[in-house]
């Protein structure tokens, strides 16, 4: 996936009210941009660190741009725009990069399913039947380790998705939890039990019920 137009660079001043960030450009101009991440963004940012943002030319938008990539305190790069994960995974699915999910005949996005009123990110149609694929964006890294973790904040919604996938798996339907690692320098992913023990427990239960777990890394260049 390529950003077009190219991303612009700035320096982070602060993130606040969850969805806002103040940045400073090289010429000294200060902007308030949209932060498209509802998580804590733990270890994803530091004041004074480099950020890259996409600029919008839409006159109806209140903010001039969207924060896309952040320099972490460890000097890594993290794509903090969680919406990019689904777009990236869809591109990877359609081009056959994700070998475990290759060979589908149709792809549908945001399909309603489950007893708890969920929408799955992707439903793939195979000759053998459908596969339901839930995507999560991973950006939480820790110093001195190449193992990333998910989630970076308590996520009842994430646990609900795992329960829905587990229910499908128990019925013999293929169900997949896919972690899209949008952080450089990562070789593995684990559940962040120290942050959300309920999510970690739900993941283990889902695996026991037959849910497949995949993790794919990304390469970030800024």
N, C-alpha and C. Protein backbone atom coordinates (compact mmCIF):
# COMPACT_ATOMS: atom_id res chain seq x y z
N UNK A 1 0.85 -1.19 0.00
CA UNK A 1 0.00 0.00 0.00
C UNK A 1 0.88 1.24 0.00
N UNK A 2 0.55 2.17 -0.86
CA UNK A 2 1.31 3.42 -0.92
C UNK A 2 0.39 4.58 -0.58
N UNK A 3 0.91 5.54 0.14
CA UNK A 3 0.15 6.74 0.45
C UNK A 3 0.27 7.72 -0.71
N UNK A 4 -0.87 8.19 -1.17
CA UNK A 4 -0.87 9.21 -2.21
C UNK A 4 -2.02 10.18 -1.95
N UNK A 5 -1.70 11.47 -1.90
CA UNK A 5 -0.36 12.08 -2.01
C UNK A 5 0.57 11.60 -0.89
N UNK A 6 1.84 11.88 -1.06
CA UNK A 6 2.82 11.48 -0.07
C UNK A 6 2.52 12.12 1.28
N UNK A 7 2.89 11.41 2.34
CA UNK A 7 2.67 11.93 3.68
C UNK A 7 3.58 13.12 3.96
N UNK A 8 3.09 14.00 4.82
CA UNK A 8 3.89 15.13 5.28
C UNK A 8 4.39 14.84 6.69
N UNK A 9 5.48 15.49 7.07
CA UNK A 9 6.14 15.20 8.34
C UNK A 9 6.01 16.37 9.29
N UNK A 10 5.93 16.05 10.57
CA UNK A 10 5.89 17.07 11.60
C UNK A 10 6.44 16.53 12.90
N UNK A 11 6.29 17.32 13.93
CA UNK A 11 6.76 16.95 15.27
C UNK A 11 5.57 17.00 16.21
N UNK A 12 5.41 15.93 17.00
CA UNK A 12 4.26 15.84 17.89
C UNK A 12 4.41 16.79 19.08
N UNK A 13 3.39 17.60 19.30
CA UNK A 13 3.34 18.45 20.48
C UNK A 13 2.52 17.80 21.58
N UNK A 14 1.34 17.30 21.23
CA UNK A 14 0.51 16.60 22.21
C UNK A 14 -0.64 15.90 21.51
N UNK A 15 -1.14 14.84 22.16
CA UNK A 15 -2.39 14.19 21.77
C UNK A 15 -3.38 14.42 22.90
N UNK A 16 -4.62 14.77 22.57
CA UNK A 16 -5.59 15.07 23.61
C UNK A 16 -7.00 14.79 23.11
N UNK A 17 -7.91 14.64 24.06
CA UNK A 17 -9.31 14.33 23.76
C UNK A 17 -9.42 13.13 22.81
N UNK A 18 -8.48 12.25 22.91
CA UNK A 18 -8.41 11.00 22.16
C UNK A 18 -8.24 11.18 20.66
N UNK A 19 -9.04 12.04 20.05
CA UNK A 19 -9.05 12.12 18.58
C UNK A 19 -8.32 13.34 18.02
N UNK A 20 -7.61 14.08 18.85
CA UNK A 20 -6.93 15.28 18.38
C UNK A 20 -5.44 15.22 18.69
N UNK A 21 -4.65 15.81 17.82
CA UNK A 21 -3.20 15.91 18.06
C UNK A 21 -2.72 17.24 17.50
N UNK A 22 -1.86 17.89 18.27
CA UNK A 22 -1.21 19.12 17.80
C UNK A 22 0.19 18.77 17.33
N UNK A 23 0.56 19.25 16.16
CA UNK A 23 1.88 18.99 15.61
C UNK A 23 2.50 20.29 15.12
N UNK A 24 3.81 20.26 14.95
CA UNK A 24 4.53 21.43 14.43
C UNK A 24 5.30 21.02 13.19
N UNK A 25 5.16 21.78 12.13
CA UNK A 25 5.86 21.51 10.89
C UNK A 25 7.26 22.10 10.93
N UNK A 26 8.08 21.74 9.96
CA UNK A 26 9.47 22.20 9.93
C UNK A 26 9.56 23.72 9.84
N UNK A 27 8.56 24.35 9.23
CA UNK A 27 8.58 25.82 9.09
C UNK A 27 8.03 26.54 10.31
N UNK A 28 7.71 25.78 11.36
CA UNK A 28 7.20 26.37 12.59
C UNK A 28 5.69 26.45 12.67
N UNK A 29 5.01 26.16 11.58
CA UNK A 29 3.54 26.20 11.58
C UNK A 29 2.99 25.09 12.46
N UNK A 30 1.98 25.40 13.25
CA UNK A 30 1.34 24.41 14.10
C UNK A 30 -0.03 24.06 13.56
N UNK A 31 -0.34 22.76 13.57
CA UNK A 31 -1.62 22.26 13.07
C UNK A 31 -2.26 21.35 14.11
N UNK A 32 -3.58 21.34 14.12
CA UNK A 32 -4.33 20.33 14.86
C UNK A 32 -4.87 19.34 13.84
N UNK A 33 -4.53 18.06 14.01
CA UNK A 33 -4.94 17.03 13.06
C UNK A 33 -5.75 15.95 13.78
N UNK A 34 -6.41 15.13 12.98
CA UNK A 34 -7.24 14.05 13.51
C UNK A 34 -6.38 12.86 13.90
N UNK A 35 -6.65 12.30 15.08
CA UNK A 35 -5.98 11.07 15.53
C UNK A 35 -6.96 9.91 15.39
N UNK A 36 -6.78 9.04 14.40
CA UNK A 36 -7.75 7.98 14.11
C UNK A 36 -7.48 6.70 14.89
N UNK A 37 -7.39 6.82 16.21
CA UNK A 37 -7.04 5.67 17.04
C UNK A 37 -7.75 5.83 18.38
N UNK A 38 -8.59 4.86 18.74
CA UNK A 38 -9.34 4.95 19.99
C UNK A 38 -8.61 4.31 21.16
N UNK A 39 -7.47 3.69 20.90
CA UNK A 39 -6.72 3.02 21.96
C UNK A 39 -5.89 3.99 22.78
N UNK A 40 -5.13 3.44 23.70
CA UNK A 40 -4.27 4.28 24.54
C UNK A 40 -3.04 4.76 23.78
N UNK A 41 -2.68 4.07 22.70
CA UNK A 41 -1.46 4.33 21.94
C UNK A 41 -0.23 4.23 22.83
N UNK A 42 -0.29 3.32 23.79
CA UNK A 42 0.82 3.08 24.70
C UNK A 42 2.09 2.75 23.92
N UNK A 43 3.17 3.42 24.25
CA UNK A 43 4.49 3.21 23.62
C UNK A 43 4.48 3.49 22.12
N UNK A 44 3.48 4.25 21.64
CA UNK A 44 3.39 4.56 20.21
C UNK A 44 3.84 5.98 19.90
N UNK A 45 4.02 6.79 20.90
CA UNK A 45 4.28 8.20 20.62
C UNK A 45 5.09 8.81 21.76
N UNK A 46 5.71 9.93 21.45
CA UNK A 46 6.38 10.73 22.47
C UNK A 46 6.35 12.18 22.04
N UNK A 47 6.20 13.05 22.98
CA UNK A 47 6.21 14.47 22.67
C UNK A 47 7.56 14.85 22.07
N UNK A 48 7.51 15.53 20.96
CA UNK A 48 8.73 15.89 20.25
C UNK A 48 9.14 14.88 19.20
N UNK A 49 8.48 13.71 19.19
CA UNK A 49 8.80 12.67 18.21
C UNK A 49 8.23 13.00 16.84
N UNK A 50 8.76 12.33 15.84
CA UNK A 50 8.32 12.58 14.47
C UNK A 50 6.97 11.90 14.20
N UNK A 51 6.15 12.59 13.44
CA UNK A 51 4.87 12.03 12.99
C UNK A 51 4.73 12.31 11.50
N UNK A 52 3.95 11.49 10.84
CA UNK A 52 3.65 11.68 9.43
C UNK A 52 2.14 11.69 9.27
N UNK A 53 1.64 12.61 8.48
CA UNK A 53 0.19 12.76 8.36
C UNK A 53 -0.21 12.95 6.90
N UNK A 54 -1.45 12.56 6.61
CA UNK A 54 -2.02 12.77 5.28
C UNK A 54 -2.84 14.05 5.32
N UNK A 55 -2.68 14.87 4.31
CA UNK A 55 -3.39 16.14 4.29
C UNK A 55 -4.66 16.00 3.45
N UNK A 56 -5.72 16.62 3.92
CA UNK A 56 -7.00 16.59 3.22
C UNK A 56 -7.25 17.94 2.55
N UNK A 57 -7.76 17.87 1.34
CA UNK A 57 -8.15 19.08 0.62
C UNK A 57 -9.66 19.28 0.62
N UNK A 58 -10.35 18.49 1.43
CA UNK A 58 -11.81 18.58 1.51
C UNK A 58 -12.19 19.82 2.32
N UNK A 59 -12.84 20.80 1.72
CA UNK A 59 -13.19 22.02 2.46
C UNK A 59 -14.22 21.79 3.55
N UNK A 60 -14.91 20.65 3.51
CA UNK A 60 -15.93 20.36 4.52
C UNK A 60 -15.32 19.80 5.81
N UNK A 61 -14.07 19.38 5.74
CA UNK A 61 -13.42 18.82 6.93
C UNK A 61 -12.97 19.93 7.86
N UNK A 62 -13.17 19.70 9.15
CA UNK A 62 -12.77 20.70 10.14
C UNK A 62 -11.26 20.70 10.36
N UNK A 63 -10.63 19.55 10.20
CA UNK A 63 -9.20 19.42 10.45
C UNK A 63 -8.47 19.19 9.13
N UNK A 64 -7.25 19.71 9.01
CA UNK A 64 -6.55 19.66 7.72
C UNK A 64 -5.88 18.34 7.39
N UNK A 65 -5.78 17.43 8.36
CA UNK A 65 -5.07 16.20 8.07
C UNK A 65 -5.36 15.10 9.07
N UNK A 66 -4.80 13.92 8.78
CA UNK A 66 -4.98 12.73 9.62
C UNK A 66 -3.62 12.14 9.97
N UNK A 67 -3.40 11.91 11.23
CA UNK A 67 -2.17 11.29 11.71
C UNK A 67 -2.13 9.84 11.21
N UNK A 68 -1.03 9.47 10.55
CA UNK A 68 -0.91 8.14 9.97
C UNK A 68 0.17 7.30 10.64
N UNK A 69 1.37 7.84 10.77
CA UNK A 69 2.52 7.10 11.28
C UNK A 69 3.19 7.88 12.39
N UNK A 70 3.67 7.18 13.38
CA UNK A 70 4.31 7.80 14.54
C UNK A 70 5.67 7.16 14.81
N UNK A 71 6.59 7.98 15.26
CA UNK A 71 7.86 7.47 15.78
C UNK A 71 7.64 7.11 17.24
N UNK A 72 7.99 5.88 17.62
CA UNK A 72 7.78 5.44 18.99
C UNK A 72 8.95 5.85 19.87
N UNK A 73 8.78 5.77 21.20
CA UNK A 73 9.90 6.09 22.09
C UNK A 73 11.13 5.21 21.85
N UNK A 74 10.93 4.01 21.26
CA UNK A 74 12.04 3.11 20.98
C UNK A 74 12.66 3.36 19.60
N UNK A 75 12.14 4.37 18.89
CA UNK A 75 12.67 4.67 17.56
C UNK A 75 12.08 3.82 16.45
N UNK A 76 11.03 3.07 16.75
CA UNK A 76 10.34 2.30 15.73
C UNK A 76 9.32 3.18 15.01
N UNK A 77 8.71 2.62 13.98
CA UNK A 77 7.61 3.29 13.30
C UNK A 77 6.34 2.50 13.53
N UNK A 78 5.25 3.21 13.84
CA UNK A 78 3.96 2.58 14.06
C UNK A 78 2.91 3.28 13.22
N UNK A 79 2.14 2.51 12.46
CA UNK A 79 1.01 3.07 11.73
C UNK A 79 -0.17 3.10 12.69
N UNK A 80 -0.49 4.28 13.19
CA UNK A 80 -1.49 4.38 14.26
C UNK A 80 -2.91 4.56 13.74
N UNK A 81 -3.07 4.72 12.43
CA UNK A 81 -4.40 4.82 11.83
C UNK A 81 -4.98 3.42 11.72
N UNK A 82 -5.86 3.06 12.65
CA UNK A 82 -6.36 1.68 12.70
C UNK A 82 -7.15 1.31 11.45
N UNK A 83 -7.72 2.30 10.78
CA UNK A 83 -8.46 2.01 9.56
C UNK A 83 -7.59 1.49 8.44
N UNK A 84 -6.29 1.79 8.49
CA UNK A 84 -5.39 1.31 7.44
C UNK A 84 -5.21 -0.21 7.49
N UNK A 85 -5.39 -0.80 8.67
CA UNK A 85 -5.18 -2.25 8.80
C UNK A 85 -6.14 -3.02 7.90
N UNK A 86 -7.41 -2.66 7.92
CA UNK A 86 -8.38 -3.37 7.09
C UNK A 86 -8.10 -3.20 5.61
N UNK A 87 -7.74 -1.98 5.21
CA UNK A 87 -7.42 -1.74 3.80
C UNK A 87 -6.19 -2.53 3.38
N UNK A 88 -5.20 -2.59 4.26
CA UNK A 88 -3.98 -3.32 3.95
C UNK A 88 -4.26 -4.82 3.86
N UNK A 89 -5.04 -5.34 4.81
CA UNK A 89 -5.37 -6.76 4.79
C UNK A 89 -6.19 -7.11 3.56
N UNK A 90 -7.13 -6.25 3.19
CA UNK A 90 -7.91 -6.53 1.98
C UNK A 90 -7.01 -6.61 0.75
N UNK A 91 -6.07 -5.68 0.66
CA UNK A 91 -5.13 -5.71 -0.47
C UNK A 91 -4.32 -7.00 -0.46
N UNK A 92 -3.88 -7.41 0.74
CA UNK A 92 -3.10 -8.65 0.86
C UNK A 92 -3.94 -9.87 0.51
N UNK A 93 -5.21 -9.86 0.91
CA UNK A 93 -6.09 -10.98 0.57
C UNK A 93 -6.28 -11.08 -0.94
N UNK A 94 -6.54 -9.96 -1.57
CA UNK A 94 -6.85 -9.97 -3.00
C UNK A 94 -5.63 -10.32 -3.86
N UNK A 95 -4.44 -10.08 -3.33
CA UNK A 95 -3.23 -10.39 -4.09
C UNK A 95 -2.61 -11.73 -3.67
N UNK A 96 -3.26 -12.45 -2.76
CA UNK A 96 -2.79 -13.78 -2.38
C UNK A 96 -1.61 -13.79 -1.43
N UNK A 97 -1.32 -12.66 -0.79
CA UNK A 97 -0.18 -12.60 0.13
C UNK A 97 -0.43 -13.46 1.36
N UNK A 98 -1.66 -13.48 1.84
CA UNK A 98 -1.99 -14.28 3.02
C UNK A 98 -2.32 -15.69 2.55
N UNK A 99 -1.32 -16.54 2.54
CA UNK A 99 -1.45 -17.86 1.91
C UNK A 99 -2.53 -18.72 2.57
N UNK A 100 -2.71 -18.57 3.88
CA UNK A 100 -3.70 -19.39 4.58
C UNK A 100 -5.13 -19.08 4.13
N UNK A 101 -5.32 -17.91 3.50
CA UNK A 101 -6.66 -17.50 3.08
C UNK A 101 -6.75 -17.31 1.57
N UNK A 102 -5.83 -17.90 0.84
CA UNK A 102 -5.84 -17.78 -0.62
C UNK A 102 -6.88 -18.71 -1.23
N UNK A 103 -7.35 -18.35 -2.42
CA UNK A 103 -8.25 -19.21 -3.17
C UNK A 103 -9.72 -18.94 -2.99
N UNK A 104 -10.10 -17.85 -2.34
CA UNK A 104 -11.52 -17.55 -2.17
C UNK A 104 -12.10 -17.05 -3.50
N UNK A 105 -13.40 -17.19 -3.63
CA UNK A 105 -14.08 -16.78 -4.87
C UNK A 105 -14.82 -15.46 -4.73
N UNK A 106 -15.05 -15.01 -3.50
CA UNK A 106 -15.73 -13.74 -3.28
C UNK A 106 -15.33 -13.19 -1.92
N UNK A 107 -15.34 -11.87 -1.81
CA UNK A 107 -14.99 -11.19 -0.57
C UNK A 107 -16.06 -10.15 -0.27
N UNK A 108 -16.57 -10.19 0.96
CA UNK A 108 -17.54 -9.19 1.40
C UNK A 108 -17.02 -8.53 2.67
N UNK A 109 -17.24 -7.23 2.79
CA UNK A 109 -16.79 -6.47 3.95
C UNK A 109 -17.95 -6.18 4.90
N UNK A 110 -17.63 -6.08 6.19
CA UNK A 110 -18.59 -5.64 7.21
C UNK A 110 -19.90 -6.43 7.14
N UNK A 111 -19.79 -7.73 7.27
CA UNK A 111 -20.96 -8.61 7.20
C UNK A 111 -21.53 -8.83 8.60
N UNK A 112 -22.82 -8.61 8.75
CA UNK A 112 -23.47 -8.83 10.05
C UNK A 112 -23.51 -10.32 10.36
N UNK A 113 -23.26 -10.65 11.63
CA UNK A 113 -23.30 -12.06 12.04
C UNK A 113 -23.35 -12.13 13.55
N UNK A 114 -23.62 -13.31 14.06
CA UNK A 114 -23.50 -13.58 15.49
C UNK A 114 -24.72 -13.17 16.30
N UNK A 115 -24.76 -13.71 17.52
CA UNK A 115 -25.87 -13.45 18.43
C UNK A 115 -25.72 -12.15 19.20
N UNK A 116 -24.53 -11.54 19.14
CA UNK A 116 -24.30 -10.30 19.89
C UNK A 116 -24.30 -9.07 18.98
N UNK A 117 -24.80 -9.24 17.76
CA UNK A 117 -24.94 -8.11 16.86
C UNK A 117 -23.64 -7.56 16.32
N UNK A 118 -22.74 -8.42 15.92
CA UNK A 118 -21.43 -7.99 15.44
C UNK A 118 -21.41 -7.86 13.92
N UNK A 119 -20.35 -7.24 13.43
CA UNK A 119 -20.05 -7.20 12.00
C UNK A 119 -18.61 -7.68 11.83
N UNK A 120 -18.42 -8.69 11.02
CA UNK A 120 -17.08 -9.21 10.80
C UNK A 120 -16.42 -8.39 9.71
N UNK A 121 -15.11 -8.22 9.80
CA UNK A 121 -14.40 -7.39 8.83
C UNK A 121 -14.49 -7.96 7.42
N UNK A 122 -14.27 -9.27 7.29
CA UNK A 122 -14.34 -9.90 5.96
C UNK A 122 -15.02 -11.26 6.05
N UNK A 123 -15.87 -11.51 5.08
CA UNK A 123 -16.40 -12.87 4.87
C UNK A 123 -15.89 -13.32 3.51
N UNK A 124 -15.14 -14.41 3.51
CA UNK A 124 -14.58 -14.95 2.28
C UNK A 124 -15.34 -16.21 1.89
N UNK A 125 -15.64 -16.31 0.62
CA UNK A 125 -16.36 -17.49 0.12
C UNK A 125 -15.37 -18.45 -0.54
N UNK A 126 -15.36 -19.68 -0.05
CA UNK A 126 -14.55 -20.76 -0.62
C UNK A 126 -15.49 -21.86 -1.12
N UNK A 127 -14.95 -22.74 -1.94
CA UNK A 127 -15.75 -23.88 -2.40
C UNK A 127 -16.21 -24.74 -1.23
N UNK A 128 -15.42 -24.77 -0.18
CA UNK A 128 -15.73 -25.59 0.99
C UNK A 128 -16.66 -24.89 1.98
N UNK A 129 -16.93 -23.60 1.74
CA UNK A 129 -17.77 -22.84 2.66
C UNK A 129 -17.15 -21.50 3.00
N UNK A 130 -17.82 -20.69 3.81
CA UNK A 130 -17.31 -19.36 4.12
C UNK A 130 -16.24 -19.36 5.20
N UNK A 131 -15.48 -18.29 5.23
CA UNK A 131 -14.53 -18.03 6.32
C UNK A 131 -14.78 -16.62 6.81
N UNK A 132 -14.89 -16.47 8.11
CA UNK A 132 -15.11 -15.16 8.72
C UNK A 132 -13.78 -14.68 9.30
N UNK A 133 -13.36 -13.48 8.90
CA UNK A 133 -12.04 -12.98 9.27
C UNK A 133 -12.18 -11.65 10.01
N UNK A 134 -11.71 -11.63 11.23
CA UNK A 134 -11.69 -10.41 12.05
C UNK A 134 -10.26 -9.88 12.09
N UNK A 135 -10.09 -8.58 11.85
CA UNK A 135 -8.76 -7.96 11.79
C UNK A 135 -8.56 -7.06 13.00
N UNK A 136 -7.38 -7.14 13.60
CA UNK A 136 -6.99 -6.23 14.67
C UNK A 136 -5.62 -5.64 14.34
N UNK A 137 -5.49 -4.34 14.54
CA UNK A 137 -4.24 -3.63 14.28
C UNK A 137 -3.37 -3.63 15.54
N UNK A 138 -2.14 -4.09 15.41
CA UNK A 138 -1.22 -4.21 16.56
C UNK A 138 -0.14 -3.14 16.46
N UNK A 139 -0.04 -2.30 17.49
CA UNK A 139 0.98 -1.25 17.51
C UNK A 139 1.74 -1.18 18.84
N UNK A 140 1.40 -2.04 19.79
CA UNK A 140 2.01 -1.98 21.11
C UNK A 140 3.30 -2.79 21.16
N UNK A 141 4.41 -2.10 21.33
CA UNK A 141 5.69 -2.75 21.51
C UNK A 141 6.31 -2.34 22.83
N UNK A 142 7.28 -3.10 23.29
CA UNK A 142 7.97 -2.81 24.54
C UNK A 142 9.47 -2.73 24.28
N UNK A 143 10.19 -2.01 25.13
CA UNK A 143 11.65 -1.92 24.95
C UNK A 143 12.31 -3.30 25.08
N UNK A 144 13.37 -3.48 24.33
CA UNK A 144 14.23 -4.67 24.46
C UNK A 144 13.52 -5.99 24.14
N UNK A 145 12.49 -5.94 23.33
CA UNK A 145 11.85 -7.18 22.89
C UNK A 145 11.26 -6.97 21.51
N UNK A 146 11.25 -8.04 20.72
CA UNK A 146 10.66 -7.98 19.38
C UNK A 146 9.26 -8.59 19.36
N UNK A 147 8.69 -8.78 20.55
CA UNK A 147 7.34 -9.33 20.67
C UNK A 147 6.35 -8.19 20.93
N UNK A 148 5.40 -8.01 20.04
CA UNK A 148 4.36 -7.00 20.21
C UNK A 148 3.19 -7.60 20.98
N UNK A 149 2.27 -6.74 21.42
CA UNK A 149 1.15 -7.22 22.23
C UNK A 149 -0.14 -6.53 21.80
N UNK A 150 -1.24 -7.20 22.05
CA UNK A 150 -2.57 -6.66 21.77
C UNK A 150 -3.51 -7.12 22.87
N UNK A 151 -4.39 -6.23 23.36
CA UNK A 151 -4.62 -4.84 22.97
C UNK A 151 -3.77 -3.87 23.80
N UNK A 152 -3.84 -2.57 23.46
CA UNK A 152 -3.12 -1.57 24.24
C UNK A 152 -4.03 -0.87 25.24
N UNK A 153 -5.29 -1.30 25.29
CA UNK A 153 -6.27 -0.80 26.26
C UNK A 153 -7.36 -1.86 26.38
N UNK A 154 -8.12 -1.82 27.46
CA UNK A 154 -9.20 -2.78 27.65
C UNK A 154 -10.18 -2.67 26.49
N UNK A 155 -10.53 -3.82 25.90
CA UNK A 155 -11.43 -3.82 24.74
C UNK A 155 -12.53 -4.86 24.90
N UNK A 156 -13.65 -4.44 25.43
CA UNK A 156 -14.79 -5.35 25.53
C UNK A 156 -15.29 -5.75 24.14
N UNK A 157 -15.18 -4.83 23.20
CA UNK A 157 -15.60 -5.12 21.82
C UNK A 157 -14.73 -6.22 21.21
N UNK A 158 -13.42 -6.17 21.49
CA UNK A 158 -12.53 -7.20 20.98
C UNK A 158 -12.85 -8.57 21.54
N UNK A 159 -13.17 -8.62 22.83
CA UNK A 159 -13.55 -9.89 23.45
C UNK A 159 -14.86 -10.41 22.86
N UNK A 160 -15.78 -9.49 22.59
CA UNK A 160 -17.05 -9.89 21.97
C UNK A 160 -16.80 -10.53 20.61
N UNK A 161 -15.92 -9.94 19.83
CA UNK A 161 -15.61 -10.50 18.51
C UNK A 161 -15.06 -11.91 18.63
N UNK A 162 -14.22 -12.14 19.63
CA UNK A 162 -13.66 -13.48 19.83
C UNK A 162 -14.76 -14.47 20.20
N UNK A 163 -15.69 -14.04 21.04
CA UNK A 163 -16.81 -14.93 21.39
C UNK A 163 -17.64 -15.28 20.16
N UNK A 164 -17.87 -14.29 19.31
CA UNK A 164 -18.65 -14.53 18.09
C UNK A 164 -17.92 -15.50 17.16
N UNK A 165 -16.61 -15.30 17.01
CA UNK A 165 -15.83 -16.21 16.18
C UNK A 165 -15.84 -17.62 16.75
N UNK A 166 -15.71 -17.72 18.07
CA UNK A 166 -15.71 -19.04 18.72
C UNK A 166 -17.04 -19.76 18.49
N UNK A 167 -18.13 -19.01 18.55
CA UNK A 167 -19.44 -19.63 18.31
C UNK A 167 -19.53 -20.20 16.90
N UNK A 168 -18.98 -19.47 15.93
CA UNK A 168 -18.95 -19.98 14.56
C UNK A 168 -18.11 -21.26 14.46
N UNK A 169 -16.93 -21.22 15.09
CA UNK A 169 -16.03 -22.37 15.02
C UNK A 169 -16.68 -23.62 15.61
N UNK A 170 -17.43 -23.44 16.69
CA UNK A 170 -18.11 -24.58 17.30
C UNK A 170 -19.17 -25.17 16.38
N UNK A 171 -19.67 -24.36 15.45
CA UNK A 171 -20.65 -24.83 14.48
C UNK A 171 -20.00 -25.42 13.23
N UNK A 172 -18.66 -25.44 13.22
CA UNK A 172 -17.95 -25.99 12.07
C UNK A 172 -17.67 -24.98 10.98
N UNK A 173 -17.90 -23.70 11.25
CA UNK A 173 -17.63 -22.64 10.28
C UNK A 173 -16.21 -22.11 10.51
N UNK A 174 -15.50 -21.88 9.44
CA UNK A 174 -14.12 -21.40 9.58
C UNK A 174 -14.12 -19.97 10.11
N UNK A 175 -13.38 -19.73 11.18
CA UNK A 175 -13.32 -18.42 11.83
C UNK A 175 -11.86 -18.08 12.08
N UNK A 176 -11.47 -16.85 11.73
CA UNK A 176 -10.06 -16.46 11.77
C UNK A 176 -9.90 -15.11 12.46
N UNK A 177 -9.02 -15.06 13.44
CA UNK A 177 -8.59 -13.79 14.03
C UNK A 177 -7.23 -13.45 13.45
N UNK A 178 -7.16 -12.34 12.73
CA UNK A 178 -5.92 -11.95 12.05
C UNK A 178 -5.38 -10.67 12.68
N UNK A 179 -4.14 -10.74 13.16
CA UNK A 179 -3.48 -9.57 13.73
C UNK A 179 -2.57 -8.95 12.68
N UNK A 180 -2.85 -7.71 12.34
CA UNK A 180 -2.04 -6.96 11.37
C UNK A 180 -1.06 -6.10 12.18
N UNK A 181 0.21 -6.47 12.15
CA UNK A 181 1.21 -5.81 12.99
C UNK A 181 1.75 -4.58 12.27
N UNK A 182 1.27 -3.43 12.69
CA UNK A 182 1.67 -2.17 12.07
C UNK A 182 2.76 -1.48 12.89
N UNK A 183 3.80 -2.24 13.19
CA UNK A 183 4.91 -1.76 14.01
C UNK A 183 6.18 -2.42 13.52
N UNK A 184 7.21 -1.63 13.30
CA UNK A 184 8.47 -2.20 12.83
C UNK A 184 9.22 -2.89 13.96
N UNK A 185 10.13 -3.80 13.59
CA UNK A 185 10.97 -4.48 14.57
C UNK A 185 10.27 -5.55 15.38
N UNK A 186 9.23 -6.15 14.81
CA UNK A 186 8.43 -7.14 15.54
C UNK A 186 8.55 -8.50 14.86
N UNK A 187 8.71 -9.55 15.68
CA UNK A 187 8.81 -10.91 15.16
C UNK A 187 7.69 -11.82 15.65
N UNK A 188 6.95 -11.40 16.66
CA UNK A 188 5.88 -12.23 17.20
C UNK A 188 4.87 -11.34 17.91
N UNK A 189 3.69 -11.91 18.17
CA UNK A 189 2.61 -11.18 18.85
C UNK A 189 2.08 -12.04 19.99
N UNK A 190 1.72 -11.41 21.08
CA UNK A 190 1.13 -12.10 22.21
C UNK A 190 -0.06 -11.30 22.73
N UNK A 191 -0.97 -11.95 23.47
CA UNK A 191 -2.04 -11.19 24.11
C UNK A 191 -1.48 -10.37 25.27
N UNK A 192 -1.94 -9.14 25.40
CA UNK A 192 -1.46 -8.25 26.47
C UNK A 192 -2.28 -8.51 27.73
N UNK A 193 -1.97 -9.62 28.37
CA UNK A 193 -2.74 -10.02 29.55
C UNK A 193 -2.60 -9.02 30.68
N UNK A 194 -1.46 -8.33 30.73
CA UNK A 194 -1.24 -7.34 31.79
C UNK A 194 -2.14 -6.12 31.63
N UNK A 195 -2.70 -5.93 30.44
CA UNK A 195 -3.59 -4.80 30.17
C UNK A 195 -5.04 -5.24 30.19
N UNK A 196 -5.35 -6.38 29.57
CA UNK A 196 -6.73 -6.85 29.47
C UNK A 196 -6.76 -8.37 29.62
N UNK A 197 -6.86 -8.82 30.86
CA UNK A 197 -6.86 -10.26 31.14
C UNK A 197 -8.08 -10.94 30.53
N UNK A 198 -9.20 -10.23 30.47
CA UNK A 198 -10.42 -10.82 29.91
C UNK A 198 -10.25 -11.10 28.42
N UNK A 199 -9.58 -10.20 27.72
CA UNK A 199 -9.34 -10.44 26.29
C UNK A 199 -8.42 -11.64 26.10
N UNK A 200 -7.36 -11.71 26.89
CA UNK A 200 -6.43 -12.84 26.78
C UNK A 200 -7.14 -14.16 27.04
N UNK A 201 -8.03 -14.16 28.03
CA UNK A 201 -8.79 -15.37 28.34
C UNK A 201 -9.73 -15.72 27.19
N UNK A 202 -10.37 -14.71 26.61
CA UNK A 202 -11.27 -14.95 25.48
C UNK A 202 -10.52 -15.49 24.27
N UNK A 203 -9.29 -15.03 24.07
CA UNK A 203 -8.49 -15.52 22.96
C UNK A 203 -8.14 -16.99 23.15
N UNK A 204 -7.72 -17.35 24.35
CA UNK A 204 -7.40 -18.76 24.62
C UNK A 204 -8.63 -19.64 24.43
N UNK A 205 -9.77 -19.18 24.90
CA UNK A 205 -11.00 -19.96 24.76
C UNK A 205 -11.38 -20.10 23.29
N UNK A 206 -11.19 -19.03 22.52
CA UNK A 206 -11.52 -19.08 21.09
C UNK A 206 -10.64 -20.09 20.36
N UNK A 207 -9.36 -20.09 20.69
CA UNK A 207 -8.44 -21.04 20.06
C UNK A 207 -8.85 -22.47 20.42
N UNK A 208 -9.22 -22.69 21.67
CA UNK A 208 -9.66 -24.02 22.09
C UNK A 208 -10.91 -24.47 21.34
N UNK A 209 -11.73 -23.51 20.93
CA UNK A 209 -12.95 -23.82 20.19
C UNK A 209 -12.72 -23.98 18.70
N UNK A 210 -11.48 -23.71 18.24
CA UNK A 210 -11.17 -23.92 16.84
C UNK A 210 -10.95 -22.68 16.01
N UNK A 211 -10.93 -21.50 16.64
CA UNK A 211 -10.65 -20.27 15.90
C UNK A 211 -9.18 -20.26 15.49
N UNK A 212 -8.92 -19.97 14.22
CA UNK A 212 -7.55 -19.85 13.73
C UNK A 212 -7.00 -18.46 14.07
N UNK A 213 -5.74 -18.40 14.44
CA UNK A 213 -5.09 -17.13 14.74
C UNK A 213 -3.92 -16.94 13.79
N UNK A 214 -3.93 -15.83 13.07
CA UNK A 214 -2.84 -15.48 12.15
C UNK A 214 -2.28 -14.13 12.54
N UNK A 215 -0.99 -13.94 12.30
CA UNK A 215 -0.36 -12.64 12.52
C UNK A 215 0.55 -12.35 11.33
N UNK A 216 0.35 -11.20 10.73
CA UNK A 216 1.17 -10.78 9.59
C UNK A 216 1.76 -9.41 9.89
N UNK A 217 3.05 -9.29 9.59
CA UNK A 217 3.73 -8.03 9.78
C UNK A 217 3.64 -7.15 8.56
N UNK A 218 3.96 -5.89 8.75
CA UNK A 218 3.99 -4.93 7.65
C UNK A 218 5.36 -4.25 7.62
N UNK A 219 5.70 -3.72 6.47
CA UNK A 219 6.93 -2.94 6.36
C UNK A 219 6.55 -1.48 6.20
N UNK A 220 7.04 -0.66 7.11
CA UNK A 220 6.70 0.76 7.09
C UNK A 220 7.91 1.57 6.64
N UNK A 221 7.71 2.40 5.65
CA UNK A 221 8.74 3.32 5.19
C UNK A 221 8.15 4.72 5.23
N UNK A 222 8.85 5.63 5.86
CA UNK A 222 8.35 7.00 5.95
C UNK A 222 9.43 7.97 5.49
